[in-house]
């Protein structure tokens, strides 16, 4: 049987997309591009950092916007209920420098994410990925320790961990991703996702 670990994406699943919120606040439309649009994360981040530099926006500017973001309606309750039943790990391509206020609002769940390179003046100069294909790599590592993984996400960069898991679900995803991966059940609310996870557990 093994022990189960539920692996969840963060942005788009538990909290709104950070970069889309930041784009709305700053009025920079180009920053609305996410992993739903660009599967290559390194390419996406290089594109974002270039835009920040062009607009002289620093880490603090992004953090100030993140501080105003609340989890999606019902996300904390969903997580709390899930944590009572099984182990939960949030696997995200976000950064420790961004995630802290969001983790506090979600009740400090376990988060595996990446980190930013920041110069002394607060300019974000680059990003360091924890490991290559971090979500898939982490799921495989958990499985090698004897865990069964159940995964849910909304973007192209979640597909690897969904495919590799005992069960995988799409949550609040795009029509395109649903069309590309019809084999995975797609849910729009936490009650449906919880029901599906309970069945697997």
N, C-alpha and C. Protein backbone atom coordinates (compact mmCIF):
# COMPACT_ATOMS: atom_id res chain seq x y z
N UNK A 1 0.84 -1.20 0.00
CA UNK A 1 0.00 0.00 0.00
C UNK A 1 0.88 1.26 0.00
N UNK A 2 1.86 1.30 0.90
CA UNK A 2 2.73 2.48 0.97
C UNK A 2 2.01 3.68 1.55
N UNK A 3 2.80 4.69 1.90
CA UNK A 3 2.20 5.92 2.41
C UNK A 3 1.93 6.87 1.25
N UNK A 4 0.93 7.69 1.42
CA UNK A 4 0.57 8.63 0.36
C UNK A 4 1.07 10.04 0.67
N UNK A 5 1.46 10.73 -0.37
CA UNK A 5 1.76 12.16 -0.27
C UNK A 5 1.00 12.85 -1.39
N UNK A 6 0.23 13.88 -1.04
CA UNK A 6 -0.44 14.67 -2.06
C UNK A 6 0.48 15.83 -2.43
N UNK A 7 0.79 15.96 -3.71
CA UNK A 7 1.66 17.02 -4.22
C UNK A 7 0.81 18.03 -4.99
N UNK A 8 0.80 19.26 -4.50
CA UNK A 8 -0.03 20.29 -5.12
C UNK A 8 0.82 21.42 -5.68
N UNK A 9 0.40 21.93 -6.82
CA UNK A 9 0.98 23.16 -7.33
C UNK A 9 0.47 24.30 -6.43
N UNK A 10 1.15 25.44 -6.45
CA UNK A 10 0.74 26.58 -5.61
C UNK A 10 -0.10 27.59 -6.39
N UNK A 11 0.53 28.24 -7.37
CA UNK A 11 -0.15 29.32 -8.10
C UNK A 11 -1.19 28.75 -9.06
N UNK A 12 -2.37 29.31 -9.01
CA UNK A 12 -3.45 28.83 -9.86
C UNK A 12 -4.25 27.71 -9.22
N UNK A 13 -3.67 27.11 -8.16
CA UNK A 13 -4.37 26.02 -7.47
C UNK A 13 -4.78 26.45 -6.06
N UNK A 14 -3.86 27.09 -5.33
CA UNK A 14 -4.16 27.53 -3.96
C UNK A 14 -4.17 29.05 -3.82
N UNK A 15 -3.35 29.71 -4.61
CA UNK A 15 -3.31 31.18 -4.58
C UNK A 15 -3.37 31.69 -6.02
N UNK A 16 -3.82 32.93 -6.22
CA UNK A 16 -3.82 33.47 -7.58
C UNK A 16 -2.40 33.53 -8.14
N UNK A 17 -2.28 33.58 -9.45
CA UNK A 17 -0.96 33.68 -10.09
C UNK A 17 -0.29 34.99 -9.67
N UNK A 18 0.89 34.87 -9.08
CA UNK A 18 1.62 36.05 -8.59
C UNK A 18 1.91 37.04 -9.72
N UNK A 19 2.42 36.53 -10.84
CA UNK A 19 2.82 37.44 -11.92
C UNK A 19 1.62 38.12 -12.59
N UNK A 20 0.50 37.43 -12.65
CA UNK A 20 -0.70 38.05 -13.24
C UNK A 20 -1.19 39.17 -12.32
N UNK A 21 -1.17 38.91 -11.01
CA UNK A 21 -1.56 39.95 -10.04
C UNK A 21 -0.63 41.15 -10.16
N UNK A 22 0.67 40.86 -10.25
CA UNK A 22 1.67 41.94 -10.37
C UNK A 22 1.46 42.72 -11.67
N UNK A 23 1.14 42.00 -12.75
CA UNK A 23 0.87 42.65 -14.04
C UNK A 23 -0.34 43.58 -13.94
N UNK A 24 -1.37 43.12 -13.23
CA UNK A 24 -2.58 43.94 -13.05
C UNK A 24 -2.28 45.21 -12.26
N UNK A 25 -1.45 45.07 -11.22
CA UNK A 25 -1.13 46.22 -10.36
C UNK A 25 -0.25 47.23 -11.11
N UNK A 26 0.74 46.72 -11.86
CA UNK A 26 1.68 47.61 -12.54
C UNK A 26 1.18 48.08 -13.91
N UNK A 27 0.18 47.35 -14.44
CA UNK A 27 -0.32 47.69 -15.77
C UNK A 27 0.57 47.17 -16.90
N UNK A 28 1.54 46.29 -16.55
CA UNK A 28 2.43 45.73 -17.58
C UNK A 28 1.83 44.42 -18.10
N UNK A 29 1.12 44.53 -19.20
CA UNK A 29 0.40 43.38 -19.78
C UNK A 29 1.32 42.19 -20.07
N UNK A 30 2.54 42.48 -20.51
CA UNK A 30 3.48 41.42 -20.91
C UNK A 30 3.78 40.45 -19.77
N UNK A 31 3.60 40.89 -18.53
CA UNK A 31 3.91 40.02 -17.38
C UNK A 31 2.80 39.02 -17.08
N UNK A 32 1.73 39.05 -17.88
CA UNK A 32 0.64 38.10 -17.66
C UNK A 32 0.96 36.72 -18.22
N UNK A 33 2.08 36.61 -18.91
CA UNK A 33 2.49 35.32 -19.49
C UNK A 33 2.90 34.38 -18.35
N UNK A 34 2.35 33.16 -18.35
CA UNK A 34 2.67 32.20 -17.29
C UNK A 34 3.06 30.86 -17.90
N UNK A 35 3.26 29.85 -17.04
CA UNK A 35 3.61 28.50 -17.52
C UNK A 35 2.43 27.86 -18.26
N UNK A 36 1.27 28.48 -18.18
CA UNK A 36 0.14 27.99 -18.99
C UNK A 36 0.38 28.34 -20.46
N UNK A 37 1.18 29.42 -20.68
CA UNK A 37 1.45 29.88 -22.05
C UNK A 37 2.83 29.43 -22.54
N UNK A 38 3.80 29.39 -21.61
CA UNK A 38 5.18 29.08 -21.97
C UNK A 38 5.68 27.90 -21.13
N UNK A 39 5.76 26.71 -21.74
CA UNK A 39 6.19 25.52 -20.99
C UNK A 39 7.65 25.58 -20.50
N UNK A 40 8.50 26.36 -21.21
CA UNK A 40 9.92 26.44 -20.83
C UNK A 40 10.11 27.49 -19.73
N UNK A 41 10.30 27.00 -18.49
CA UNK A 41 10.31 27.92 -17.34
C UNK A 41 11.50 28.87 -17.36
N UNK A 42 12.69 28.38 -17.76
CA UNK A 42 13.88 29.26 -17.81
C UNK A 42 13.66 30.41 -18.79
N UNK A 43 13.07 30.07 -19.92
CA UNK A 43 12.78 31.08 -20.95
C UNK A 43 11.79 32.12 -20.40
N UNK A 44 10.76 31.62 -19.70
CA UNK A 44 9.74 32.49 -19.12
C UNK A 44 10.34 33.44 -18.09
N UNK A 45 11.21 32.90 -17.21
CA UNK A 45 11.80 33.75 -16.16
C UNK A 45 12.75 34.79 -16.75
N UNK A 46 13.52 34.41 -17.76
CA UNK A 46 14.43 35.37 -18.41
C UNK A 46 13.62 36.52 -19.00
N UNK A 47 12.49 36.17 -19.61
CA UNK A 47 11.57 37.15 -20.20
C UNK A 47 11.02 38.09 -19.11
N UNK A 48 10.62 37.52 -17.98
CA UNK A 48 10.06 38.33 -16.88
C UNK A 48 11.11 39.27 -16.29
N UNK A 49 12.30 38.73 -16.04
CA UNK A 49 13.35 39.54 -15.40
C UNK A 49 13.77 40.69 -16.30
N UNK A 50 13.76 40.45 -17.59
CA UNK A 50 14.07 41.49 -18.56
C UNK A 50 13.06 42.63 -18.47
N UNK A 51 11.78 42.28 -18.33
CA UNK A 51 10.72 43.30 -18.22
C UNK A 51 10.87 44.09 -16.92
N UNK A 52 11.19 43.38 -15.81
CA UNK A 52 11.39 44.07 -14.53
C UNK A 52 12.52 45.10 -14.66
N UNK A 53 13.61 44.66 -15.30
CA UNK A 53 14.79 45.52 -15.48
C UNK A 53 14.43 46.75 -16.31
N UNK A 54 13.73 46.53 -17.42
CA UNK A 54 13.33 47.64 -18.30
C UNK A 54 12.47 48.67 -17.56
N UNK A 55 11.68 48.18 -16.59
CA UNK A 55 10.78 49.07 -15.85
C UNK A 55 11.32 49.48 -14.48
N UNK A 56 12.61 49.14 -14.26
CA UNK A 56 13.29 49.47 -12.99
C UNK A 56 12.50 48.99 -11.76
N UNK A 57 11.95 47.77 -11.85
CA UNK A 57 11.20 47.20 -10.73
C UNK A 57 12.09 46.23 -9.96
N UNK A 58 12.07 46.34 -8.65
CA UNK A 58 12.95 45.54 -7.79
C UNK A 58 12.16 44.44 -7.06
N UNK A 59 12.91 43.62 -6.33
CA UNK A 59 12.30 42.54 -5.56
C UNK A 59 11.23 43.09 -4.61
N UNK A 60 11.55 44.20 -3.92
CA UNK A 60 10.61 44.78 -2.96
C UNK A 60 9.28 45.16 -3.62
N UNK A 61 9.33 45.61 -4.86
CA UNK A 61 8.10 45.98 -5.58
C UNK A 61 7.20 44.76 -5.76
N UNK A 62 7.83 43.63 -6.10
CA UNK A 62 7.05 42.40 -6.28
C UNK A 62 6.53 41.92 -4.92
N UNK A 63 7.39 41.98 -3.90
CA UNK A 63 6.99 41.52 -2.55
C UNK A 63 5.83 42.35 -2.00
N UNK A 64 5.84 43.66 -2.28
CA UNK A 64 4.76 44.53 -1.79
C UNK A 64 3.41 44.10 -2.36
N UNK A 65 3.41 43.67 -3.64
CA UNK A 65 2.17 43.21 -4.27
C UNK A 65 1.77 41.85 -3.69
N UNK A 66 2.75 40.96 -3.51
CA UNK A 66 2.47 39.62 -2.97
C UNK A 66 1.82 39.72 -1.58
N UNK A 67 2.25 40.69 -0.80
CA UNK A 67 1.70 40.88 0.56
C UNK A 67 0.20 41.15 0.53
N UNK A 68 -0.31 41.62 -0.62
CA UNK A 68 -1.75 41.93 -0.71
C UNK A 68 -2.57 40.74 -1.24
N UNK A 69 -1.88 39.67 -1.68
CA UNK A 69 -2.58 38.52 -2.28
C UNK A 69 -3.12 37.60 -1.19
N UNK A 70 -4.36 37.21 -1.32
CA UNK A 70 -4.95 36.23 -0.41
C UNK A 70 -5.12 34.90 -1.13
N UNK A 71 -5.08 33.78 -0.37
CA UNK A 71 -5.35 32.48 -1.00
C UNK A 71 -6.73 32.49 -1.66
N UNK A 72 -6.93 31.59 -2.61
CA UNK A 72 -8.24 31.47 -3.26
C UNK A 72 -9.29 31.07 -2.22
N UNK A 73 -10.52 31.43 -2.48
CA UNK A 73 -11.61 31.09 -1.56
C UNK A 73 -11.65 29.58 -1.30
N UNK A 74 -11.55 29.20 -0.03
CA UNK A 74 -11.65 27.79 0.32
C UNK A 74 -10.32 27.04 0.31
N UNK A 75 -9.24 27.70 -0.15
CA UNK A 75 -7.94 27.00 -0.28
C UNK A 75 -7.39 26.56 1.07
N UNK A 76 -7.44 27.44 2.06
CA UNK A 76 -6.87 27.08 3.37
C UNK A 76 -7.67 25.95 4.02
N UNK A 77 -8.99 26.02 3.91
CA UNK A 77 -9.85 24.98 4.48
C UNK A 77 -9.59 23.63 3.78
N UNK A 78 -9.43 23.69 2.47
CA UNK A 78 -9.11 22.49 1.69
C UNK A 78 -7.80 21.87 2.17
N UNK A 79 -6.78 22.71 2.32
CA UNK A 79 -5.47 22.23 2.78
C UNK A 79 -5.55 21.66 4.19
N UNK A 80 -6.24 22.36 5.07
CA UNK A 80 -6.37 21.90 6.47
C UNK A 80 -7.01 20.52 6.53
N UNK A 81 -8.07 20.33 5.75
CA UNK A 81 -8.76 19.04 5.75
C UNK A 81 -7.85 17.95 5.19
N UNK A 82 -7.14 18.29 4.13
CA UNK A 82 -6.23 17.34 3.48
C UNK A 82 -5.11 16.91 4.43
N UNK A 83 -4.57 17.89 5.16
CA UNK A 83 -3.44 17.60 6.08
C UNK A 83 -3.86 16.70 7.24
N UNK A 84 -5.15 16.70 7.55
CA UNK A 84 -5.64 15.80 8.60
C UNK A 84 -5.66 14.35 8.12
N UNK A 85 -5.77 14.17 6.80
CA UNK A 85 -5.90 12.82 6.23
C UNK A 85 -4.58 12.23 5.76
N UNK A 86 -3.68 13.09 5.28
CA UNK A 86 -2.47 12.57 4.64
C UNK A 86 -1.37 13.63 4.64
N UNK A 87 -0.18 13.24 4.18
CA UNK A 87 0.91 14.21 4.04
C UNK A 87 0.67 15.05 2.79
N UNK A 88 1.01 16.33 2.87
CA UNK A 88 0.82 17.23 1.74
C UNK A 88 2.11 18.03 1.52
N UNK A 89 2.55 18.08 0.27
CA UNK A 89 3.72 18.89 -0.08
C UNK A 89 3.31 19.80 -1.24
N UNK A 90 3.66 21.08 -1.12
CA UNK A 90 3.40 21.99 -2.23
C UNK A 90 4.67 22.08 -3.07
N UNK A 91 4.54 21.73 -4.34
CA UNK A 91 5.68 21.79 -5.26
C UNK A 91 5.44 22.95 -6.21
N UNK A 92 6.30 23.94 -6.12
CA UNK A 92 6.05 25.16 -6.90
C UNK A 92 7.32 25.64 -7.58
N UNK A 93 7.14 26.29 -8.73
CA UNK A 93 8.28 26.93 -9.39
C UNK A 93 8.44 28.37 -8.93
N UNK A 94 7.73 28.76 -7.88
CA UNK A 94 7.91 30.11 -7.35
C UNK A 94 9.21 30.15 -6.52
N UNK A 95 9.41 31.20 -5.77
CA UNK A 95 10.68 31.42 -5.07
C UNK A 95 10.45 31.68 -3.59
N UNK A 96 11.42 31.26 -2.78
CA UNK A 96 11.28 31.47 -1.33
C UNK A 96 11.07 32.96 -1.02
N UNK A 97 11.73 33.82 -1.82
CA UNK A 97 11.62 35.27 -1.59
C UNK A 97 10.21 35.80 -1.85
N UNK A 98 9.40 35.04 -2.59
CA UNK A 98 8.02 35.44 -2.89
C UNK A 98 7.02 34.76 -1.95
N UNK A 99 7.33 33.53 -1.56
CA UNK A 99 6.29 32.65 -1.03
C UNK A 99 5.91 32.86 0.43
N UNK A 100 6.80 33.43 1.23
CA UNK A 100 6.58 33.46 2.68
C UNK A 100 5.22 34.02 3.13
N UNK A 101 4.82 35.22 2.66
CA UNK A 101 3.51 35.74 3.12
C UNK A 101 2.34 34.84 2.72
N UNK A 102 2.48 34.16 1.57
CA UNK A 102 1.42 33.26 1.11
C UNK A 102 1.36 32.01 1.98
N UNK A 103 2.54 31.50 2.37
CA UNK A 103 2.58 30.30 3.23
C UNK A 103 1.97 30.60 4.60
N UNK A 104 2.22 31.81 5.09
CA UNK A 104 1.65 32.20 6.39
C UNK A 104 0.12 32.16 6.32
N UNK A 105 -0.44 32.70 5.23
CA UNK A 105 -1.90 32.74 5.08
C UNK A 105 -2.50 31.34 4.87
N UNK A 106 -1.66 30.40 4.39
CA UNK A 106 -2.14 29.03 4.16
C UNK A 106 -1.87 28.11 5.36
N UNK A 107 -1.33 28.68 6.45
CA UNK A 107 -1.07 27.88 7.65
C UNK A 107 0.24 27.11 7.60
N UNK A 108 1.25 27.67 6.92
CA UNK A 108 2.61 27.11 6.84
C UNK A 108 2.68 25.66 6.37
N UNK A 109 2.11 25.34 5.20
CA UNK A 109 2.29 23.98 4.67
C UNK A 109 3.75 23.80 4.20
N UNK A 110 4.16 22.56 3.99
CA UNK A 110 5.50 22.28 3.47
C UNK A 110 5.58 22.73 2.02
N UNK A 111 6.61 23.51 1.71
CA UNK A 111 6.77 24.04 0.35
C UNK A 111 8.17 23.73 -0.17
N UNK A 112 8.25 23.14 -1.35
CA UNK A 112 9.52 22.98 -2.05
C UNK A 112 9.47 23.91 -3.25
N UNK A 113 10.37 24.90 -3.28
CA UNK A 113 10.38 25.82 -4.41
C UNK A 113 11.82 26.22 -4.75
N UNK A 114 11.99 27.33 -5.44
CA UNK A 114 13.31 27.74 -5.92
C UNK A 114 13.74 29.04 -5.25
N UNK A 115 14.88 29.58 -5.69
CA UNK A 115 15.32 30.85 -5.09
C UNK A 115 15.77 31.84 -6.16
N UNK A 116 15.80 33.10 -5.77
CA UNK A 116 16.17 34.17 -6.69
C UNK A 116 17.59 34.64 -6.41
N UNK A 117 18.24 35.16 -7.44
CA UNK A 117 19.51 35.86 -7.25
C UNK A 117 19.17 37.35 -7.26
N UNK A 118 19.59 38.02 -6.18
CA UNK A 118 19.22 39.44 -6.03
C UNK A 118 20.47 40.25 -5.74
N UNK A 119 20.65 41.35 -6.48
CA UNK A 119 21.83 42.20 -6.24
C UNK A 119 21.60 43.07 -5.01
N UNK A 120 22.66 43.77 -4.58
CA UNK A 120 22.57 44.59 -3.36
C UNK A 120 21.50 45.67 -3.43
N UNK A 121 21.25 46.17 -4.64
CA UNK A 121 20.24 47.24 -4.76
C UNK A 121 18.82 46.69 -4.90
N UNK A 122 18.69 45.35 -4.78
CA UNK A 122 17.34 44.76 -4.81
C UNK A 122 16.87 44.36 -6.19
N UNK A 123 17.74 44.47 -7.20
CA UNK A 123 17.39 44.03 -8.55
C UNK A 123 17.45 42.50 -8.61
N UNK A 124 16.40 41.90 -9.17
CA UNK A 124 16.42 40.44 -9.35
C UNK A 124 17.26 40.16 -10.60
N UNK A 125 18.39 39.49 -10.42
CA UNK A 125 19.32 39.30 -11.55
C UNK A 125 19.22 37.91 -12.17
N UNK A 126 18.62 36.98 -11.45
CA UNK A 126 18.50 35.63 -11.98
C UNK A 126 17.72 34.75 -11.04
N UNK A 127 17.63 33.47 -11.40
CA UNK A 127 16.92 32.51 -10.54
C UNK A 127 17.68 31.20 -10.50
N UNK A 128 17.58 30.52 -9.38
CA UNK A 128 18.24 29.22 -9.21
C UNK A 128 17.17 28.16 -8.98
N UNK A 129 17.08 27.21 -9.90
CA UNK A 129 16.13 26.12 -9.75
C UNK A 129 16.71 25.10 -8.76
N UNK A 130 15.88 24.61 -7.87
CA UNK A 130 16.30 23.63 -6.87
C UNK A 130 16.91 22.40 -7.53
N UNK A 131 16.28 21.96 -8.62
CA UNK A 131 16.81 20.87 -9.43
C UNK A 131 16.10 20.92 -10.77
N UNK A 132 16.60 20.21 -11.75
CA UNK A 132 16.00 20.21 -13.09
C UNK A 132 14.63 19.51 -13.02
N UNK A 133 13.66 20.03 -13.78
CA UNK A 133 12.29 19.47 -13.74
C UNK A 133 11.86 19.23 -12.29
N UNK A 134 11.94 20.27 -11.46
CA UNK A 134 11.84 20.09 -10.01
C UNK A 134 10.60 19.35 -9.53
N UNK A 135 9.46 19.56 -10.17
CA UNK A 135 8.24 18.88 -9.69
C UNK A 135 8.30 17.38 -9.96
N UNK A 136 8.66 17.03 -11.18
CA UNK A 136 8.77 15.61 -11.54
C UNK A 136 9.89 14.93 -10.75
N UNK A 137 11.03 15.59 -10.64
CA UNK A 137 12.18 15.03 -9.90
C UNK A 137 11.81 14.77 -8.45
N UNK A 138 11.08 15.71 -7.85
CA UNK A 138 10.69 15.57 -6.43
C UNK A 138 9.71 14.42 -6.25
N UNK A 139 8.74 14.31 -7.16
CA UNK A 139 7.76 13.21 -7.10
C UNK A 139 8.49 11.86 -7.20
N UNK A 140 9.43 11.77 -8.12
CA UNK A 140 10.18 10.52 -8.28
C UNK A 140 11.02 10.22 -7.03
N UNK A 141 11.58 11.26 -6.43
CA UNK A 141 12.37 11.08 -5.21
C UNK A 141 11.48 10.59 -4.06
N UNK A 142 10.29 11.15 -3.94
CA UNK A 142 9.34 10.70 -2.91
C UNK A 142 8.97 9.24 -3.13
N UNK A 143 8.75 8.88 -4.40
CA UNK A 143 8.39 7.50 -4.72
C UNK A 143 9.54 6.55 -4.38
N UNK A 144 10.78 7.01 -4.58
CA UNK A 144 11.93 6.15 -4.27
C UNK A 144 12.07 5.93 -2.76
N UNK A 145 11.41 6.78 -1.97
CA UNK A 145 11.42 6.62 -0.50
C UNK A 145 10.21 5.80 -0.03
N UNK A 146 9.44 5.26 -0.97
CA UNK A 146 8.32 4.40 -0.60
C UNK A 146 6.97 5.09 -0.51
N UNK A 147 6.89 6.32 -1.02
CA UNK A 147 5.61 7.04 -1.00
C UNK A 147 4.86 6.86 -2.31
N UNK A 148 3.54 6.78 -2.22
CA UNK A 148 2.68 6.92 -3.40
C UNK A 148 2.37 8.40 -3.53
N UNK A 149 2.45 8.94 -4.73
CA UNK A 149 2.12 10.36 -4.88
C UNK A 149 0.79 10.53 -5.64
N UNK A 150 0.06 11.55 -5.21
CA UNK A 150 -1.17 11.97 -5.88
C UNK A 150 -0.93 13.45 -6.19
N UNK A 151 -1.07 13.84 -7.46
CA UNK A 151 -0.68 15.20 -7.83
C UNK A 151 -1.82 15.97 -8.47
N UNK A 152 -1.81 17.29 -8.24
CA UNK A 152 -2.79 18.17 -8.88
C UNK A 152 -2.13 19.49 -9.25
N UNK A 153 -2.45 19.97 -10.45
CA UNK A 153 -1.89 21.24 -10.90
C UNK A 153 -2.70 21.81 -12.04
N UNK A 154 -2.28 22.98 -12.52
CA UNK A 154 -3.07 23.68 -13.54
C UNK A 154 -2.31 23.99 -14.81
N UNK A 155 -0.98 23.76 -14.82
CA UNK A 155 -0.16 24.25 -15.93
C UNK A 155 0.66 23.16 -16.60
N UNK A 156 1.30 23.54 -17.71
CA UNK A 156 2.15 22.60 -18.44
C UNK A 156 3.26 22.03 -17.54
N UNK A 157 3.79 22.88 -16.64
CA UNK A 157 4.91 22.41 -15.81
C UNK A 157 4.44 21.47 -14.68
N UNK A 158 3.14 21.21 -14.59
CA UNK A 158 2.62 20.24 -13.61
C UNK A 158 2.39 18.86 -14.24
N UNK A 159 2.41 18.80 -15.56
CA UNK A 159 2.03 17.56 -16.24
C UNK A 159 2.97 16.40 -15.89
N UNK A 160 4.26 16.67 -15.80
CA UNK A 160 5.23 15.62 -15.46
C UNK A 160 4.90 14.94 -14.15
N UNK A 161 4.63 15.74 -13.11
CA UNK A 161 4.35 15.13 -11.79
C UNK A 161 2.99 14.43 -11.78
N UNK A 162 2.05 14.94 -12.59
CA UNK A 162 0.73 14.31 -12.70
C UNK A 162 0.86 12.96 -13.39
N UNK A 163 1.63 12.93 -14.48
CA UNK A 163 1.82 11.68 -15.24
C UNK A 163 2.54 10.62 -14.40
N UNK A 164 3.49 11.05 -13.58
CA UNK A 164 4.32 10.10 -12.83
C UNK A 164 3.62 9.57 -11.57
N UNK A 165 2.51 10.21 -11.17
CA UNK A 165 1.88 9.86 -9.90
C UNK A 165 0.86 8.73 -10.04
N UNK A 166 0.54 8.14 -8.88
CA UNK A 166 -0.48 7.08 -8.82
C UNK A 166 -1.82 7.59 -9.35
N UNK A 167 -2.11 8.84 -9.03
CA UNK A 167 -3.30 9.50 -9.56
C UNK A 167 -2.96 10.97 -9.77
N UNK A 168 -3.52 11.55 -10.83
CA UNK A 168 -3.23 12.95 -11.11
C UNK A 168 -4.47 13.68 -11.59
N UNK A 169 -4.56 14.94 -11.21
CA UNK A 169 -5.75 15.74 -11.53
C UNK A 169 -5.35 17.12 -12.04
N UNK A 170 -6.18 17.65 -12.92
CA UNK A 170 -6.03 19.03 -13.36
C UNK A 170 -7.00 19.88 -12.54
N UNK A 171 -6.57 21.09 -12.17
CA UNK A 171 -7.43 21.93 -11.34
C UNK A 171 -7.41 23.36 -11.87
N UNK A 172 -8.61 23.88 -12.15
CA UNK A 172 -8.75 25.25 -12.67
C UNK A 172 -7.77 25.52 -13.82
N UNK A 173 -7.69 24.58 -14.74
CA UNK A 173 -6.74 24.69 -15.84
C UNK A 173 -7.37 25.34 -17.07
N UNK A 174 -6.62 25.38 -18.16
CA UNK A 174 -7.13 26.00 -19.39
C UNK A 174 -7.82 24.96 -20.26
N UNK A 175 -8.63 25.43 -21.20
CA UNK A 175 -9.30 24.52 -22.14
C UNK A 175 -8.26 23.78 -22.99
N UNK A 176 -7.17 24.48 -23.32
CA UNK A 176 -6.12 23.88 -24.14
C UNK A 176 -5.47 22.70 -23.43
N UNK A 177 -5.15 22.88 -22.16
CA UNK A 177 -4.49 21.81 -21.39
C UNK A 177 -5.46 20.63 -21.21
N UNK A 178 -6.74 20.92 -20.98
CA UNK A 178 -7.74 19.85 -20.89
C UNK A 178 -7.80 19.05 -22.18
N UNK A 179 -7.71 19.77 -23.30
CA UNK A 179 -7.78 19.14 -24.62
C UNK A 179 -6.52 18.30 -24.88
N UNK A 180 -5.36 18.84 -24.47
CA UNK A 180 -4.08 18.14 -24.69
C UNK A 180 -3.95 16.90 -23.80
N UNK A 181 -4.58 16.94 -22.61
CA UNK A 181 -4.43 15.82 -21.65
C UNK A 181 -5.80 15.36 -21.15
N UNK A 182 -6.63 14.82 -22.07
CA UNK A 182 -7.99 14.44 -21.70
C UNK A 182 -8.05 13.26 -20.73
N UNK A 183 -6.93 12.56 -20.57
CA UNK A 183 -6.92 11.38 -19.69
C UNK A 183 -6.96 11.76 -18.20
N UNK A 184 -6.73 13.05 -17.88
CA UNK A 184 -6.73 13.45 -16.47
C UNK A 184 -8.01 14.19 -16.12
N UNK A 185 -8.71 13.75 -15.06
CA UNK A 185 -9.93 14.46 -14.64
C UNK A 185 -9.61 15.92 -14.33
N UNK A 186 -10.47 16.80 -14.77
CA UNK A 186 -10.26 18.24 -14.53
C UNK A 186 -11.38 18.78 -13.65
N UNK A 187 -10.99 19.44 -12.57
CA UNK A 187 -11.97 19.96 -11.61
C UNK A 187 -11.88 21.48 -11.49
N UNK A 188 -13.01 22.07 -11.10
CA UNK A 188 -13.07 23.53 -10.97
C UNK A 188 -13.23 23.99 -9.53
N UNK A 189 -13.57 23.06 -8.62
CA UNK A 189 -13.71 23.50 -7.22
C UNK A 189 -13.09 22.49 -6.25
N UNK A 190 -12.81 22.97 -5.04
CA UNK A 190 -12.09 22.15 -4.05
C UNK A 190 -12.89 20.93 -3.60
N UNK A 191 -14.21 21.06 -3.55
CA UNK A 191 -15.04 19.93 -3.10
C UNK A 191 -14.86 18.74 -4.04
N UNK A 192 -14.87 19.01 -5.35
CA UNK A 192 -14.68 17.94 -6.35
C UNK A 192 -13.28 17.33 -6.25
N UNK A 193 -12.28 18.20 -6.11
CA UNK A 193 -10.90 17.71 -6.01
C UNK A 193 -10.71 16.88 -4.75
N UNK A 194 -11.27 17.34 -3.64
CA UNK A 194 -11.19 16.60 -2.37
C UNK A 194 -11.82 15.22 -2.51
N UNK A 195 -12.97 15.17 -3.15
CA UNK A 195 -13.69 13.91 -3.35
C UNK A 195 -12.83 12.93 -4.14
N UNK A 196 -12.20 13.43 -5.21
CA UNK A 196 -11.34 12.59 -6.07
C UNK A 196 -10.13 12.08 -5.29
N UNK A 197 -9.52 12.96 -4.49
CA UNK A 197 -8.34 12.55 -3.69
C UNK A 197 -8.74 11.52 -2.66
N UNK A 198 -9.88 11.73 -2.00
CA UNK A 198 -10.36 10.77 -0.99
C UNK A 198 -10.56 9.37 -1.58
N UNK A 199 -11.07 9.34 -2.80
CA UNK A 199 -11.29 8.05 -3.46
C UNK A 199 -9.97 7.30 -3.65
N UNK A 200 -8.93 8.05 -4.02
CA UNK A 200 -7.62 7.43 -4.23
C UNK A 200 -7.02 6.98 -2.89
N UNK A 201 -7.19 7.81 -1.87
CA UNK A 201 -6.66 7.48 -0.54
C UNK A 201 -7.36 6.25 0.03
